[in-house]
């Protein structure tokens, strides 16, 4: 495994499996949904995302730049702490970002003649 892949895997493991306020299963489900939405064909289905988080997870995955304070406050009113919202947001962002990185690297390998 090259240095960058190793660092990406350490980041993924730290965020999705490390200690936090939210259960690792929820963080992994958010990241899996983001990878799925990012077009990663190897992404596994993302069961375990509560109904009151689904729209937020999709929004962070597809259009994070449009998340507003009201979106966060709605989750706070639903009972999620600031730390929980942060962990969920970070998990989804990492899932989406790493999936897009993997797709980009695959395209470069294909373009360069590697298979």
Protein backbone atom coordinates (compact mmCIF):
# COMPACT_ATOMS: atom_id res chain seq x y z
CA UNK A 1 0.00 0.00 0.00
CA UNK A 2 1.48 3.35 -0.95
CA UNK A 3 1.94 6.16 1.55
CA UNK A 4 -1.14 8.13 0.47
CA UNK A 5 -3.41 5.09 0.49
CA UNK A 6 -2.13 4.25 3.97
CA UNK A 7 -2.90 7.78 5.21
CA UNK A 8 -6.38 7.69 3.65
CA UNK A 9 -7.10 4.35 5.30
CA UNK A 10 -5.90 5.64 8.68
CA UNK A 11 -8.19 8.67 8.29
CA UNK A 12 -11.13 6.45 7.35
CA UNK A 13 -10.54 4.10 10.29
CA UNK A 14 -10.06 6.89 12.79
CA UNK A 15 -13.26 8.68 11.85
CA UNK A 16 -15.50 5.71 11.19
CA UNK A 17 -14.30 3.30 13.86
CA UNK A 18 -12.80 5.51 16.57
CA UNK A 19 -14.44 6.53 19.80
CA UNK A 20 -17.13 9.15 19.57
CA UNK A 21 -20.54 10.20 20.72
CA UNK A 22 -22.21 8.49 17.77
CA UNK A 23 -22.00 4.74 17.29
CA UNK A 24 -19.42 3.61 14.73
CA UNK A 25 -22.23 1.78 12.88
CA UNK A 26 -24.00 5.08 12.25
CA UNK A 27 -20.80 6.78 11.09
CA UNK A 28 -20.02 3.86 8.76
CA UNK A 29 -23.57 3.93 7.38
CA UNK A 30 -23.28 7.66 6.66
CA UNK A 31 -19.95 7.17 4.90
CA UNK A 32 -21.33 4.22 2.91
CA UNK A 33 -24.32 6.27 1.76
CA UNK A 34 -22.00 9.09 0.71
CA UNK A 35 -19.79 6.66 -1.24
CA UNK A 36 -22.88 5.24 -2.92
CA UNK A 37 -24.05 8.73 -3.92
CA UNK A 38 -20.53 9.57 -5.14
CA UNK A 39 -20.89 6.79 -7.68
CA UNK A 40 -18.62 4.21 -6.11
CA UNK A 41 -19.86 0.93 -7.61
CA UNK A 42 -18.19 -1.04 -4.81
CA UNK A 43 -20.06 0.88 -2.10
CA UNK A 44 -22.18 -1.34 0.04
CA UNK A 45 -25.77 -0.37 0.83
CA UNK A 46 -26.12 1.95 3.79
CA UNK A 47 -28.66 0.50 6.21
CA UNK A 48 -28.96 1.97 9.65
CA UNK A 49 -29.41 5.66 8.90
CA UNK A 50 -32.32 6.93 11.00
CA UNK A 51 -35.15 8.55 9.07
CA UNK A 52 -34.48 11.96 10.65
CA UNK A 53 -30.88 11.89 9.34
CA UNK A 54 -31.39 10.64 5.78
CA UNK A 55 -32.01 13.99 4.12
CA UNK A 56 -29.09 15.55 5.98
CA UNK A 57 -26.71 12.73 5.01
CA UNK A 58 -27.75 13.05 1.37
CA UNK A 59 -27.38 16.83 1.48
CA UNK A 60 -23.88 16.67 2.96
CA UNK A 61 -22.97 14.00 0.38
CA UNK A 62 -24.18 15.91 -2.64
CA UNK A 63 -24.21 19.59 -1.77
CA UNK A 64 -22.38 20.26 1.48
CA UNK A 65 -21.90 23.90 0.50
CA UNK A 66 -25.64 24.42 0.93
CA UNK A 67 -25.90 23.18 4.52
CA UNK A 68 -27.27 25.95 6.69
CA UNK A 69 -27.42 26.67 10.39
CA UNK A 70 -31.11 25.76 10.19
CA UNK A 71 -30.22 22.28 8.92
CA UNK A 72 -27.98 21.78 11.94
CA UNK A 73 -30.55 23.26 14.31
CA UNK A 74 -33.19 20.86 12.98
CA UNK A 75 -30.94 17.97 13.98
CA UNK A 76 -30.32 19.57 17.36
CA UNK A 77 -34.09 19.83 17.87
CA UNK A 78 -34.35 16.15 16.91
CA UNK A 79 -32.06 15.34 19.84
CA UNK A 80 -28.60 15.22 18.27
CA UNK A 81 -25.85 17.04 20.15
CA UNK A 82 -23.40 19.38 18.42
CA UNK A 83 -20.74 16.68 18.72
CA UNK A 84 -23.05 14.10 17.12
CA UNK A 85 -23.88 16.43 14.22
CA UNK A 86 -20.17 17.12 13.74
CA UNK A 87 -19.28 13.41 13.76
CA UNK A 88 -22.05 12.56 11.30
CA UNK A 89 -21.06 15.44 9.02
CA UNK A 90 -17.41 14.47 9.11
CA UNK A 91 -18.16 10.80 8.45
CA UNK A 92 -20.31 11.63 5.45
CA UNK A 93 -17.76 14.10 4.08
CA UNK A 94 -14.93 11.59 4.43
CA UNK A 95 -17.00 8.86 2.80
CA UNK A 96 -17.86 11.12 -0.14
CA UNK A 97 -14.36 12.54 -0.48
CA UNK A 98 -12.56 9.21 -0.39
CA UNK A 99 -15.04 7.66 -2.83
CA UNK A 100 -14.45 10.51 -5.26
CA UNK A 101 -10.69 10.19 -4.80
CA UNK A 102 -10.89 6.47 -5.56
CA UNK A 103 -12.94 7.13 -8.70
CA UNK A 104 -10.51 9.80 -9.86
CA UNK A 105 -7.48 7.59 -9.31
CA UNK A 106 -9.19 4.72 -11.14
CA UNK A 107 -9.86 7.02 -14.09
CA UNK A 108 -6.22 8.11 -14.15
CA UNK A 109 -5.03 4.50 -14.07
CA UNK A 110 -7.36 3.62 -16.92
CA UNK A 111 -6.27 6.67 -18.92
CA UNK A 112 -2.65 5.78 -18.36
CA UNK A 113 -3.16 2.28 -19.68
CA UNK A 114 -3.12 0.44 -16.35
CA UNK A 115 -5.86 -2.08 -15.79
